Structures are given as C-alpha cells and as structure tokens.
Amino acid sequence: MYPGAYVLAGEEFAGHEGAQGLHRLASIAASITEIGTGTDLPLSHASAAALHGIPLLKPDIARVHVTTGRSAGGSIRKYRHIHAAPLDPVEVTFVDGTAVTTVERTAVDVACCGDFAQALTAFDHGLRAGGRADLMRDILGNRRRRGGSVARRALDRASPLSESVGESWSRAQMIEAGLPLPRLQHTFRCASGNYRTDFDWQGLVIGEFDGMVKYGRHLRSGESAAESVAREKRREDDLRGTSGAMVRRWTWADLERHRLVALVTPLAGALRTLGRLAEFTLTESGHAQPIP
C-alpha cells in the first residue's frame, strides 16, 4: 500500500469506490511516515479528496499527492506526486489529524488536472461535501492555472444535488452534447408511493442512472436481487402510469461507450418538436430554471 504500511486485501477495496478507499489508507500512511522528516506536506488533489470523502471520476491514485506551497520543488516519485504550487494557509485544514487541502482547494486542484467530466464531478461532490462555490471561484481566479478554463466552465454548471459519480458523468455528457439540462432529484407522487428520480425534463422524460448499487449493495433487508429488480420495475411502471413520462435507464457501460446521448436525444428532440421542452440551466443552488 505504502512503504512500511500494509492492509489485508478484501472485497471492500474492489471497484471504483474501493480503490479510492484503499488510496485513503495509503494517503494516511504516507502522511504518518513523513512526519518529522522535513518532507511532510499537506495531502492534496485526489489524496485530499479521499480523506474528505469526495468521490471522483477515474482519479489519479497511482501515487499519494501532496503540495509544497511553493512555486518550485515539484517531482514525481515512486509513491508520491509532489505538486509545486502556492498554497495559502487558509487552504489547509485537518481531517482526523492529517493535514489536507480544504474541500474548495481540493476540488479546484482536481478539476484543473482533468477533463470536463472529471472537473464537473469534483465540483459536484465538493459542493455536496459542504464546499462553497464562491471560495472555489476565488481560488480559481487568484492565479493562472493550466486547465483553469475547463474548471471554470464546470464550476458554472456544478450542482450539489448530484448523488453519485455516475450521475455527474451523465450530466457532463449531456452538457457537452448540448442537450437540455434536466431537473435533479425531483420527487414524483405516485399511486403506490413517492419516488425520487435522478433526472427529469419537466416531468415528461425521466432519466435514471443504474449504478451497481441499484440492485446490489442497496438491497432491502431480506430481499433478493431478483426481488429488487422486480421492485424497480414496479416503480418504473408506476412513474409511467402516474405521470405519463417516458423513462430511460442507462448504466456505467453506456457512459463508458458514450451511448447516453443516443438514448436521450430522440426523446428530447420529439418533445422539443412538440414545443413542450424548454432549455434548462442550473442555478448556483443546483435547481433547474428555464432560460428566458
């Protein structure tokens, strides 16, 4: 995991979330190992995100990330990526005794190192973790940064209502394709109960990202996978029957293969032709509003 630090392999470290969990332990081990050596620096980038509990899209977790606080002295070593960048004292905090960059600085650092989808995911979940959009903008504006234009564009469209990496990546693909932006996490009152959906376009089209958690780890007590699938099918039928909405689902594999736009575009196009679908934008609070 890190020189001198070991952990027993287990299922909890499988998959995307598990890999970030393992990186969190490696980052803590690195921080403890470097104490008193003169090279103990605050964790940053994906390592700080792991300690803050901020999930990321395809993060760079091959090495532990730290930042020097100076414009020089950066290097990439076997186990550590040392970033040379100014660091204001107010941009450093502590998580369980470990020095890390703040949520806002962490989100900005990650966003500036990735593509639009990675940047949007970092900001969505940075905001969801309690980060402030105004501080993120201040950090972005206080000096020139490589990747700054992509990060600013992503921050303008970020929302704390995005509940998973898959939902953030879905929205990023919609934005980059120029699709109308959906409302997020709206609750529909149906005959058999209230259902909250991932995305919807004015209640006429409902979009659902099906991550592995849908039918696996979030099973109800005593419920089999088959029963969970059947329950989700009843939910979908109820949403269609009550609201008359068209429902589309997609998976991580669809996002990997960039099939989401092909799934959603025909529905959005049909509604726009009928004059029933306005373009949407997101306010800072994450709520959708029509563009005048």
C-alpha atoms as a PDB file:
ATOM      1  CA  MET A   1       0.000   0.000   0.000  1.00  0.00           C
ATOM      2  CA  TYR A   2       2.835   2.348   1.025  1.00  0.00           C
ATOM      3  CA  PRO A   3       6.392   1.539   2.209  1.00  0.00           C
ATOM      4  CA  GLY A   4       6.064   0.097   5.705  1.00  0.00           C
ATOM      5  CA  ALA A   5       2.252   0.024   5.622  1.00  0.00           C
ATOM      6  CA  TYR A   6       0.096  -2.963   4.726  1.00  0.00           C
ATOM      7  CA  VAL A   7      -3.585  -3.842   4.701  1.00  0.00           C
ATOM      8  CA  LEU A   8      -5.339  -7.173   4.237  1.00  0.00           C
ATOM      9  CA  ALA A   9      -6.918  -7.493   0.802  1.00  0.00           C
ATOM     10  CA  GLY A  10     -10.697  -7.598   0.860  1.00  0.00           C
ATOM     11  CA  GLU A  11     -13.845  -7.051  -1.166  1.00  0.00           C
ATOM     12  CA  GLU A  12     -14.208  -3.582   0.326  1.00  0.00           C
ATOM     13  CA  PHE A  13     -11.338  -2.449  -1.895  1.00  0.00           C
ATOM     14  CA  ALA A  14     -12.911  -3.698  -5.136  1.00  0.00           C
ATOM     15  CA  GLY A  15     -14.320  -1.387  -7.794  1.00  0.00           C
ATOM     16  CA  HIS A  16     -14.048   2.375  -8.153  1.00  0.00           C
ATOM     17  CA  GLU A  17     -15.153   3.227  -4.617  1.00  0.00           C
ATOM     18  CA  GLY A  18     -12.981   0.513  -3.112  1.00  0.00           C
ATOM     19  CA  ALA A  19      -9.903   1.779  -4.935  1.00  0.00           C
ATOM     20  CA  GLN A  20     -10.465   5.264  -3.537  1.00  0.00           C
ATOM     21  CA  GLY A  21     -10.939   3.777  -0.077  1.00  0.00           C
ATOM     22  CA  LEU A  22      -7.604   1.982  -0.356  1.00  0.00           C
ATOM     23  CA  HIS A  23      -5.968   5.190  -1.580  1.00  0.00           C
ATOM     24  CA  ARG A  24      -7.328   6.954   1.500  1.00  0.00           C
ATOM     25  CA  LEU A  25      -5.472   4.485   3.729  1.00  0.00           C
ATOM     26  CA  ALA A  26      -2.300   4.824   1.645  1.00  0.00           C
ATOM     27  CA  SER A  27      -2.515   8.617   1.937  1.00  0.00           C
ATOM     28  CA  ILE A  28      -2.863   8.465   5.716  1.00  0.00           C
ATOM     29  CA  ALA A  29       0.080   6.042   5.892  1.00  0.00           C
ATOM     30  CA  ALA A  30       2.184   8.387   3.748  1.00  0.00           C
ATOM     31  CA  SER A  31       1.328  11.344   5.937  1.00  0.00           C
ATOM     32  CA  ILE A  32       2.284   9.492   9.137  1.00  0.00           C
ATOM     33  CA  THR A  33       5.501   8.138   7.591  1.00  0.00           C
ATOM     34  CA  GLU A  34       6.708  11.597   6.550  1.00  0.00           C
ATOM     35  CA  ILE A  35       6.103  13.290   9.942  1.00  0.00           C
ATOM     36  CA  GLY A  36       9.320  14.801  11.266  1.00  0.00           C
ATOM     37  CA  THR A  37      11.296  14.157   8.078  1.00  0.00           C
ATOM     38  CA  GLY A  38      11.046  17.701   6.753  1.00  0.00           C
ATOM     39  CA  THR A  39       9.087  16.427   3.770  1.00  0.00           C
ATOM     40  CA  ASP A  40       5.712  16.209   5.493  1.00  0.00           C
ATOM     41  CA  LEU A  41       3.416  18.244   3.261  1.00  0.00           C
ATOM     42  CA  PRO A  42      -0.382  18.576   3.194  1.00  0.00           C
ATOM     43  CA  LEU A  43      -2.216  15.972   1.156  1.00  0.00           C
ATOM     44  CA  SER A  44      -3.828  17.425  -1.952  1.00  0.00           C
ATOM     45  CA  HIS A  45      -5.637  16.557  -5.175  1.00  0.00           C
ATOM     46  CA  ALA A  46      -7.116  13.020  -5.239  1.00  0.00           C
ATOM     47  CA  SER A  47      -5.479  12.147  -1.896  1.00  0.00           C
ATOM     48  CA  ALA A  48      -7.144  15.051  -0.100  1.00  0.00           C
ATOM     49  CA  ALA A  49     -10.409  14.164  -1.847  1.00  0.00           C
ATOM     50  CA  ALA A  50     -10.159  10.630  -0.450  1.00  0.00           C
ATOM     51  CA  LEU A  51      -9.832  11.968   3.103  1.00  0.00           C
ATOM     52  CA  HIS A  52     -12.707  14.412   2.614  1.00  0.00           C
ATOM     53  CA  GLY A  53     -14.867  11.574   1.275  1.00  0.00           C
ATOM     54  CA  ILE A  54     -15.267  13.258  -2.113  1.00  0.00           C
ATOM     55  CA  PRO A  55     -15.821  10.622  -4.828  1.00  0.00           C
ATOM     56  CA  LEU A  56     -14.084  11.309  -8.146  1.00  0.00           C
ATOM     57  CA  LEU A  57     -14.329  10.130 -11.739  1.00  0.00           C
ATOM     58  CA  LYS A  58     -11.318   7.999 -12.711  1.00  0.00           C
ATOM     59  CA  PRO A  59      -8.993   9.717 -10.214  1.00  0.00           C
ATOM     60  CA  ASP A  60      -5.207   9.692 -10.405  1.00  0.00           C
ATOM     61  CA  ILE A  61      -4.486   7.481  -7.399  1.00  0.00           C
ATOM     62  CA  ALA A  62      -1.342   5.705  -8.556  1.00  0.00           C
ATOM     63  CA  ARG A  63       0.617   7.879  -6.097  1.00  0.00           C
ATOM     64  CA  VAL A  64      -0.097   9.919  -2.981  1.00  0.00           C
ATOM     65  CA  HIS A  65      -0.483  13.615  -3.827  1.00  0.00           C
ATOM     66  CA  VAL A  66       0.970  16.454  -1.733  1.00  0.00           C
ATOM     67  CA  THR A  67       1.538  20.158  -2.438  1.00  0.00           C
ATOM     68  CA  THR A  68       4.658  22.128  -1.473  1.00  0.00           C
ATOM     69  CA  GLY A  69       3.135  25.587  -1.045  1.00  0.00           C
ATOM     70  CA  ARG A  70       5.921  26.961  -3.263  1.00  0.00           C
ATOM     71  CA  SER A  71       6.291  27.552  -6.989  1.00  0.00           C
ATOM     72  CA  ALA A  72       9.237  25.154  -7.180  1.00  0.00           C
ATOM     73  CA  GLY A  73      10.225  21.775  -5.812  1.00  0.00           C
ATOM     74  CA  GLY A  74       7.730  19.534  -7.551  1.00  0.00           C
ATOM     75  CA  SER A  75       8.563  15.968  -8.536  1.00  0.00           C
ATOM     76  CA  ILE A  76       7.017  12.605  -9.271  1.00  0.00           C
ATOM     77  CA  ARG A  77       8.450   9.753  -7.229  1.00  0.00           C
ATOM     78  CA  LYS A  78       7.570   6.098  -6.944  1.00  0.00           C
ATOM     79  CA  TYR A  79       4.967   6.595  -4.239  1.00  0.00           C
ATOM     80  CA  ARG A  80       4.420  10.373  -4.083  1.00  0.00           C
ATOM     81  CA  HIS A  81       3.452  13.063  -6.553  1.00  0.00           C
ATOM     82  CA  ILE A  82       4.776  16.341  -5.138  1.00  0.00           C
ATOM     83  CA  HIS A  83       2.986  19.311  -6.699  1.00  0.00           C
ATOM     84  CA  ALA A  84       4.814  22.651  -6.762  1.00  0.00           C
ATOM     85  CA  ALA A  85       2.153  25.318  -6.262  1.00  0.00           C
ATOM     86  CA  PRO A  86       1.459  28.240  -3.914  1.00  0.00           C
ATOM     87  CA  LEU A  87      -0.783  27.303  -1.015  1.00  0.00           C
ATOM     88  CA  ASP A  88      -2.476  29.870   1.184  1.00  0.00           C
ATOM     89  CA  PRO A  89      -2.572  28.871   4.887  1.00  0.00           C
ATOM     90  CA  VAL A  90      -6.385  29.164   4.838  1.00  0.00           C
ATOM     91  CA  GLU A  91      -6.428  26.491   2.121  1.00  0.00           C
ATOM     92  CA  VAL A  92      -5.105  23.857   4.535  1.00  0.00           C
ATOM     93  CA  THR A  93      -7.215  22.061   7.122  1.00  0.00           C
ATOM     94  CA  PHE A  94      -7.061  18.831   9.137  1.00  0.00           C
ATOM     95  CA  VAL A  95      -9.086  15.644   8.765  1.00  0.00           C
ATOM     96  CA  ASP A  96      -8.644  13.264  11.704  1.00  0.00           C
ATOM     97  CA  GLY A  97      -5.306  14.906  12.482  1.00  0.00           C
ATOM     98  CA  THR A  98      -3.976  14.732   8.924  1.00  0.00           C
ATOM     99  CA  ALA A  99      -3.120  17.958   7.078  1.00  0.00           C
ATOM    100  CA  VAL A 100      -5.034  18.223   3.797  1.00  0.00           C
ATOM    101  CA  THR A 101      -6.083  20.950   1.409  1.00  0.00           C
ATOM    102  CA  THR A 102      -9.579  22.287   2.056  1.00  0.00           C
ATOM    103  CA  VAL A 103     -12.586  20.948   0.178  1.00  0.00           C
ATOM    104  CA  GLU A 104     -12.601  24.035  -2.056  1.00  0.00           C
ATOM    105  CA  ARG A 105      -8.888  23.916  -2.897  1.00  0.00           C
ATOM    106  CA  THR A 106      -9.066  20.149  -3.394  1.00  0.00           C
ATOM    107  CA  ALA A 107     -11.954  20.416  -5.857  1.00  0.00           C
ATOM    108  CA  VAL A 108     -10.149  23.140  -7.823  1.00  0.00           C
ATOM    109  CA  ASP A 109      -6.875  21.176  -7.949  1.00  0.00           C
ATOM    110  CA  VAL A 110      -8.607  18.024  -9.185  1.00  0.00           C
ATOM    111  CA  ALA A 111     -10.736  19.950 -11.687  1.00  0.00           C
ATOM    112  CA  CYS A 112      -7.722  21.693 -13.222  1.00  0.00           C
ATOM    113  CA  CYS A 113      -5.971  18.361 -13.797  1.00  0.00           C
ATOM    114  CA  GLY A 114      -8.802  16.595 -15.611  1.00  0.00           C
ATOM    115  CA  ASP A 115     -11.257  16.816 -18.466  1.00  0.00           C
ATOM    116  CA  PHE A 116     -14.695  18.442 -18.248  1.00  0.00           C
ATOM    117  CA  ALA A 117     -16.430  15.352 -16.840  1.00  0.00           C
ATOM    118  CA  GLN A 118     -13.777  14.892 -14.149  1.00  0.00           C
ATOM    119  CA  ALA A 119     -13.944  18.594 -13.275  1.00  0.00           C
ATOM    120  CA  LEU A 120     -17.744  18.590 -13.020  1.00  0.00           C
ATOM    121  CA  THR A 121     -17.638  15.503 -10.796  1.00  0.00           C
ATOM    122  CA  ALA A 122     -15.067  17.115  -8.487  1.00  0.00           C
ATOM    123  CA  PHE A 123     -17.137  20.281  -8.123  1.00  0.00           C
ATOM    124  CA  ASP A 124     -20.485  18.464  -7.775  1.00  0.00           C
ATOM    125  CA  HIS A 125     -19.190  16.371  -4.907  1.00  0.00           C
ATOM    126  CA  GLY A 126     -17.071  19.143  -3.435  1.00  0.00           C
ATOM    127  CA  LEU A 127     -20.254  21.199  -3.118  1.00  0.00           C
ATOM    128  CA  ARG A 128     -22.088  18.163  -1.777  1.00  0.00           C
ATOM    129  CA  ALA A 129     -19.381  17.794   0.887  1.00  0.00           C
ATOM    130  CA  GLY A 130     -20.079  21.335   2.086  1.00  0.00           C
ATOM    131  CA  GLY A 131     -17.661  23.287  -0.093  1.00  0.00           C
ATOM    132  CA  ARG A 132     -18.539  26.844  -1.090  1.00  0.00           C
ATOM    133  CA  ALA A 133     -18.795  27.774  -4.757  1.00  0.00           C
ATOM    134  CA  ASP A 134     -17.681  31.366  -4.098  1.00  0.00           C
ATOM    135  CA  LEU A 135     -14.442  30.185  -2.474  1.00  0.00           C
ATOM    136  CA  MET A 136     -13.817  27.800  -5.361  1.00  0.00           C
ATOM    137  CA  ARG A 137     -14.203  30.726  -7.774  1.00  0.00           C
ATOM    138  CA  ASP A 138     -11.820  32.840  -5.697  1.00  0.00           C
ATOM    139  CA  ILE A 139      -9.188  30.088  -5.741  1.00  0.00           C
ATOM    140  CA  LEU A 140      -9.604  29.651  -9.494  1.00  0.00           C
ATOM    141  CA  GLY A 141      -9.238  33.379 -10.031  1.00  0.00           C
ATOM    142  CA  ASN A 142      -6.247  34.114  -7.814  1.00  0.00           C
ATOM    143  CA  ARG A 143      -3.650  32.888 -10.319  1.00  0.00           C
ATOM    144  CA  ARG A 144      -3.278  31.415 -13.781  1.00  0.00           C
ATOM    145  CA  ARG A 145      -3.736  27.667 -13.823  1.00  0.00           C
ATOM    146  CA  ARG A 146      -3.387  25.074 -16.522  1.00  0.00           C
ATOM    147  CA  GLY A 147      -6.874  23.648 -17.007  1.00  0.00           C
ATOM    148  CA  GLY A 148      -8.489  26.740 -15.496  1.00  0.00           C
ATOM    149  CA  SER A 149     -10.882  27.407 -18.375  1.00  0.00           C
ATOM    150  CA  VAL A 150     -12.252  23.852 -18.246  1.00  0.00           C
ATOM    151  CA  ALA A 151     -12.582  24.097 -14.460  1.00  0.00           C
ATOM    152  CA  ARG A 152     -14.444  27.424 -14.613  1.00  0.00           C
ATOM    153  CA  ARG A 153     -16.879  26.048 -17.176  1.00  0.00           C
ATOM    154  CA  ALA A 154     -17.506  23.005 -14.986  1.00  0.00           C
ATOM    155  CA  LEU A 155     -17.970  25.071 -11.819  1.00  0.00           C
ATOM    156  CA  ASP A 156     -20.607  27.196 -13.547  1.00  0.00           C
ATOM    157  CA  ARG A 157     -22.628  24.014 -14.116  1.00  0.00           C
ATOM    158  CA  ALA A 158     -21.913  22.158 -10.875  1.00  0.00           C
ATOM    159  CA  SER A 159     -24.669  21.052  -8.505  1.00  0.00           C
ATOM    160  CA  PRO A 160     -24.627  19.517  -5.015  1.00  0.00           C
ATOM    161  CA  LEU A 161     -27.756  17.571  -5.972  1.00  0.00           C
ATOM    162  CA  SER A 162     -25.744  15.055  -7.968  1.00  0.00           C
ATOM    163  CA  GLU A 163     -25.649  11.970  -5.743  1.00  0.00           C
ATOM    164  CA  SER A 164     -23.089   9.784  -7.498  1.00  0.00           C
ATOM    165  CA  VAL A 165     -20.124   9.885  -9.827  1.00  0.00           C
ATOM    166  CA  GLY A 166     -22.275   8.233 -12.498  1.00  0.00           C
ATOM    167  CA  GLU A 167     -24.886  10.983 -12.252  1.00  0.00           C
ATOM    168  CA  SER A 168     -22.206  13.666 -12.595  1.00  0.00           C
ATOM    169  CA  TRP A 169     -20.661  11.919 -15.588  1.00  0.00           C
ATOM    170  CA  SER A 170     -24.131  11.562 -17.140  1.00  0.00           C
ATOM    171  CA  ARG A 171     -24.765  15.281 -16.813  1.00  0.00           C
ATOM    172  CA  ALA A 172     -21.321  16.098 -18.210  1.00  0.00           C
ATOM    173  CA  GLN A 173     -22.105  14.105 -21.342  1.00  0.00           C
ATOM    174  CA  MET A 174     -25.459  15.878 -21.686  1.00  0.00           C
ATOM    175  CA  ILE A 175     -23.811  19.293 -21.331  1.00  0.00           C
ATOM    176  CA  GLU A 176     -21.049  18.530 -23.809  1.00  0.00           C
ATOM    177  CA  ALA A 177     -23.629  17.284 -26.327  1.00  0.00           C
ATOM    178  CA  GLY A 178     -25.702  20.456 -25.931  1.00  0.00           C
ATOM    179  CA  LEU A 179     -28.751  18.621 -24.578  1.00  0.00           C
ATOM    180  CA  PRO A 180     -31.323  20.419 -22.406  1.00  0.00           C
ATOM    181  CA  LEU A 181     -30.269  20.200 -18.765  1.00  0.00           C
ATOM    182  CA  PRO A 182     -32.577  18.109 -16.574  1.00  0.00           C
ATOM    183  CA  ARG A 183     -34.008  18.774 -13.162  1.00  0.00           C
ATOM    184  CA  LEU A 184     -32.208  16.759 -10.487  1.00  0.00           C
ATOM    185  CA  GLN A 185     -33.647  14.591  -7.703  1.00  0.00           C
ATOM    186  CA  HIS A 186     -37.301  15.545  -8.161  1.00  0.00           C
ATOM    187  CA  THR A 187     -39.896  13.602  -6.149  1.00  0.00           C
ATOM    188  CA  PHE A 188     -42.929  12.258  -8.030  1.00  0.00           C
ATOM    189  CA  ARG A 189     -46.083  11.405  -6.063  1.00  0.00           C
ATOM    190  CA  CYS A 190     -47.425   8.153  -7.468  1.00  0.00           C
ATOM    191  CA  ALA A 191     -50.225   5.752  -6.597  1.00  0.00           C
ATOM    192  CA  SER A 192     -48.030   3.376  -4.602  1.00  0.00           C
ATOM    193  CA  GLY A 193     -45.692   5.939  -3.052  1.00  0.00           C
ATOM    194  CA  ASN A 194     -43.300   8.812  -3.635  1.00  0.00           C
ATOM    195  CA  TYR A 195     -40.326   8.251  -5.921  1.00  0.00           C
ATOM    196  CA  ARG A 196     -37.256  10.444  -6.319  1.00  0.00           C
ATOM    197  CA  THR A 197     -35.648  10.280  -9.743  1.00  0.00           C
ATOM    198  CA  ASP A 198     -32.100  11.069 -10.857  1.00  0.00           C
ATOM    199  CA  PHE A 199     -33.099  13.291 -13.777  1.00  0.00           C
ATOM    200  CA  ASP A 200     -36.260  14.580 -15.397  1.00  0.00           C
ATOM    201  CA  TRP A 201     -37.181  17.053 -18.075  1.00  0.00           C
ATOM    202  CA  GLN A 202     -40.340  18.886 -16.907  1.00  0.00           C
ATOM    203  CA  GLY A 203     -41.849  15.592 -15.784  1.00  0.00           C
ATOM    204  CA  LEU A 204     -42.138  14.446 -19.404  1.00  0.00           C
ATOM    205  CA  VAL A 205     -38.937  12.418 -19.636  1.00  0.00           C
ATOM    206  CA  ILE A 206     -37.317  10.659 -16.664  1.00  0.00           C
ATOM    207  CA  GLY A 207     -33.702   9.516 -16.748  1.00  0.00           C
ATOM    208  CA  GLU A 208     -32.175   7.042 -14.296  1.00  0.00           C
ATOM    209  CA  PHE A 209     -28.516   6.111 -13.916  1.00  0.00           C
ATOM    210  CA  ASP A 210     -28.295   2.486 -12.817  1.00  0.00           C
ATOM    211  CA  GLY A 211     -25.085   2.018 -10.891  1.00  0.00           C
ATOM    212  CA  MET A 212     -24.198  -1.312  -9.298  1.00  0.00           C
ATOM    213  CA  VAL A 213     -25.726  -0.083  -6.040  1.00  0.00           C
ATOM    214  CA  LYS A 214     -29.224  -0.057  -7.529  1.00  0.00           C
ATOM    215  CA  TYR A 215     -29.700  -3.823  -7.421  1.00  0.00           C
ATOM    216  CA  GLY A 216     -26.773  -4.945  -5.297  1.00  0.00           C
ATOM    217  CA  ARG A 217     -25.469  -3.282  -2.180  1.00  0.00           C
ATOM    218  CA  HIS A 218     -28.695  -1.367  -1.521  1.00  0.00           C
ATOM    219  CA  LEU A 219     -30.951  -4.390  -1.298  1.00  0.00           C
ATOM    220  CA  ARG A 220     -33.621  -4.117   1.351  1.00  0.00           C
ATOM    221  CA  SER A 221     -33.307  -6.414   4.338  1.00  0.00           C
ATOM    222  CA  GLY A 222     -34.145  -9.979   3.315  1.00  0.00           C
ATOM    223  CA  GLU A 223     -34.593  -9.022  -0.341  1.00  0.00           C
ATOM    224  CA  SER A 224     -33.015 -10.981  -3.188  1.00  0.00           C
ATOM    225  CA  ALA A 225     -31.500  -9.385  -6.283  1.00  0.00           C
ATOM    226  CA  ALA A 226     -34.456 -10.672  -8.342  1.00  0.00           C
ATOM    227  CA  GLU A 227     -36.932  -9.105  -5.913  1.00  0.00           C
ATOM    228  CA  SER A 228     -35.025  -5.832  -6.086  1.00  0.00           C
ATOM    229  CA  VAL A 229     -35.211  -5.853  -9.890  1.00  0.00           C
ATOM    230  CA  ALA A 230     -38.953  -6.549  -9.724  1.00  0.00           C
ATOM    231  CA  ARG A 231     -39.453  -3.706  -7.247  1.00  0.00           C
ATOM    232  CA  GLU A 232     -37.589  -1.308  -9.537  1.00  0.00           C
ATOM    233  CA  LYS A 233     -39.751  -2.475 -12.455  1.00  0.00           C
ATOM    234  CA  ARG A 234     -42.926  -1.732 -10.465  1.00  0.00           C
ATOM    235  CA  ARG A 235     -41.512   1.687  -9.577  1.00  0.00           C
ATOM    236  CA  GLU A 236     -40.838   2.442 -13.228  1.00  0.00           C
ATOM    237  CA  ASP A 237     -44.333   1.291 -14.269  1.00  0.00           C
ATOM    238  CA  ASP A 238     -45.835   3.473 -11.532  1.00  0.00           C
ATOM    239  CA  LEU A 239     -43.879   6.513 -12.707  1.00  0.00           C
ATOM    240  CA  ARG A 240     -45.058   5.957 -16.270  1.00  0.00           C
ATOM    241  CA  GLY A 241     -48.649   5.324 -15.246  1.00  0.00           C
ATOM    242  CA  THR A 242     -48.978   8.317 -12.913  1.00  0.00           C
ATOM    243  CA  SER A 243     -47.015  10.988 -14.760  1.00  0.00           C
ATOM    244  CA  GLY A 244     -47.201   9.693 -18.310  1.00  0.00           C
ATOM    245  CA  ALA A 245     -43.462  10.255 -18.536  1.00  0.00           C
ATOM    246  CA  MET A 246     -41.105   8.332 -20.772  1.00  0.00           C
ATOM    247  CA  VAL A 247     -38.442   6.568 -18.697  1.00  0.00           C
ATOM    248  CA  ARG A 248     -34.923   5.795 -19.884  1.00  0.00           C
ATOM    249  CA  ARG A 249     -32.213   3.992 -17.922  1.00  0.00           C
ATOM    250  CA  TRP A 250     -28.503   3.751 -18.578  1.00  0.00           C
ATOM    251  CA  THR A 251     -25.501   2.127 -16.951  1.00  0.00           C
ATOM    252  CA  TRP A 252     -21.806   2.771 -16.365  1.00  0.00           C
ATOM    253  CA  ALA A 253     -21.091   0.769 -19.529  1.00  0.00           C
ATOM    254  CA  ASP A 254     -23.300   3.163 -21.525  1.00  0.00           C
ATOM    255  CA  LEU A 255     -21.308   6.104 -20.179  1.00  0.00           C
ATOM    256  CA  GLU A 256     -18.004   4.397 -20.985  1.00  0.00           C
ATOM    257  CA  ARG A 257     -19.173   3.832 -24.559  1.00  0.00           C
ATOM    258  CA  HIS A 258     -20.751   7.319 -24.813  1.00  0.00           C
ATOM    259  CA  ARG A 259     -24.180   5.848 -25.599  1.00  0.00           C
ATOM    260  CA  LEU A 260     -26.123   8.146 -23.261  1.00  0.00           C
ATOM    261  CA  VAL A 261     -26.639  10.923 -25.809  1.00  0.00           C
ATOM    262  CA  ALA A 262     -28.045   8.447 -28.329  1.00  0.00           C
ATOM    263  CA  LEU A 263     -30.520   7.204 -25.690  1.00  0.00           C
ATOM    264  CA  VAL A 264     -31.759  10.638 -24.609  1.00  0.00           C
ATOM    265  CA  THR A 265     -31.556  12.763 -27.770  1.00  0.00           C
ATOM    266  CA  PRO A 266     -34.541  11.215 -29.638  1.00  0.00           C
ATOM    267  CA  LEU A 267     -36.819  11.825 -26.641  1.00  0.00           C
ATOM    268  CA  ALA A 268     -35.656  15.401 -26.140  1.00  0.00           C
ATOM    269  CA  GLY A 269     -35.952  16.052 -29.866  1.00  0.00           C
ATOM    270  CA  ALA A 270     -39.509  14.739 -30.017  1.00  0.00           C
ATOM    271  CA  LEU A 271     -40.621  16.880 -27.077  1.00  0.00           C
ATOM    272  CA  ARG A 272     -38.896  19.968 -28.453  1.00  0.00           C
ATOM    273  CA  THR A 273     -40.719  19.440 -31.756  1.00  0.00           C
ATOM    274  CA  LEU A 274     -43.988  19.443 -29.836  1.00  0.00           C
ATOM    275  CA  GLY A 275     -42.964  22.680 -28.143  1.00  0.00           C
ATOM    276  CA  ARG A 276     -43.107  21.100 -24.703  1.00  0.00           C
ATOM    277  CA  LEU A 277     -39.449  21.186 -23.680  1.00  0.00           C
ATOM    278  CA  ALA A 278     -37.607  24.396 -22.842  1.00  0.00           C
ATOM    279  CA  GLU A 279     -33.858  24.697 -22.494  1.00  0.00           C
ATOM    280  CA  PHE A 280     -32.757  24.485 -18.873  1.00  0.00           C
ATOM    281  CA  THR A 281     -29.871  25.882 -16.924  1.00  0.00           C
ATOM    282  CA  LEU A 282     -28.766  25.270 -13.342  1.00  0.00           C
ATOM    283  CA  THR A 283     -28.748  27.938 -10.689  1.00  0.00           C
ATOM    284  CA  GLU A 284     -25.954  28.014  -8.117  1.00  0.00           C
ATOM    285  CA  SER A 285     -28.163  26.140  -5.676  1.00  0.00           C
ATOM    286  CA  GLY A 286     -28.493  23.263  -8.111  1.00  0.00           C
ATOM    287  CA  HIS A 287     -32.114  23.915  -9.100  1.00  0.00           C
ATOM    288  CA  ALA A 288     -33.161  23.986 -12.741  1.00  0.00           C
ATOM    289  CA  GLN A 289     -34.742  27.047 -14.290  1.00  0.00           C
ATOM    290  CA  PRO A 290     -35.809  27.821 -17.867  1.00  0.00           C
ATOM    291  CA  ILE A 291     -33.591  30.108 -19.920  1.00  0.00           C
ATOM    292  CA  PRO A 292     -35.631  33.193 -20.933  1.00  0.00           C
END
